[in-house]
Amino acid sequence: MTQAAALADAQGLGLGRLVVSWVQGQADRRTPRRVYLPALQRLVADVDALFAEVTGGRGRLSFCLSQFTAAEPPGRRCISLAQADLFLADPDRYILAGPEYMLERSDGVHLKPRSALYLGALHGRAIARKLSGEGWQPLHMVRAKVMGAAVVVTFAGGVGPLAADDGPAFQPDTGVGVRKLAHLGFGLQAPGQPGLALVGATVTGPREVRLDLSGPLTEGKALVTLGFPDGIGHPEGFVLGNPDSARGGATTLRTVGEPAPGLGLRLHDWALQQVITPGFAA
């Protein structure tokens, strides 16, 4: 940072902004959510403080991350949810480009070059829209309302209307694909009603999905999960062009997306892995 500031000064320029793209999580996959989140917040605060020091308080930090795909132990949801927490707690401060579960890996963990290009395009678009003042949010759940034997989930963010991914299982030109999942990747946890089950999920609007249940959900402790299907574990991503080889978290819910000029790509915004507590209709 000191060298960058000196170089800018030598050219008669001001070092005004530092943009960090953060792609990390595998090494900490066993770290509890309550530990990883404050550690990540401290990291951002430390980098922000260092940048302010070398720029005399003139510089501003933009921190962009993408959501790690839950790996092991099986079913663990710590890192991915902590990363979503970071954005949801302060969407003005942090940029969340979206999830990574749809990207092909060379070994189940590390991205292949074309997948890294796709992820870089997602980061670049999110950063550009945020810095231009246009604003950016990833596709994420904002509300879930119980209506008898159904739960209506409302989304925000992303570009274009929602779509269940009914395209080819794998797109070789982009390295993008998702294995087939029941109910778009949604799940229901209702400990007080052990016989209650999720039986269907349907896109019913540009930012709305209806979850059909086997019976009415009564008031009590319940959770709607997205992106944490049964059997979740390791490897996080798919290999050899076969999305069925992945065992990480995933959904088959995305937006119709938009083209990326100059890259020959169409960028879809895939839904974040999240857990939300549903409310009840008045």
Foldseek 3Di string as FASTA:
>chain_A
DLVVQVVQVVVVHAQAEDEEEDEDDPVCLVPAQVPVLVVVVVVVVVVQVVVCVSRVNRYDYAYEYEAEWRAPPALDDRRRASVVVNCVVPVLRYFYLAYLLFAAAAVLEHGDPLSVVLVVLSRVVRVVCSVVVVHFDFWEWDAWEFDWQKIKTFIDGWDAFKDQQPDDQFDVNRRGHADDDAQQQKFKDDPVCVVKGFDHWADDIRGMIMTGMPGTDDDDDMKMWGFRGPQAHPSSYHYPRDNVRHRTTAGRMWHPAADDPPPRDGRIRGYRTDMDTHHYDD
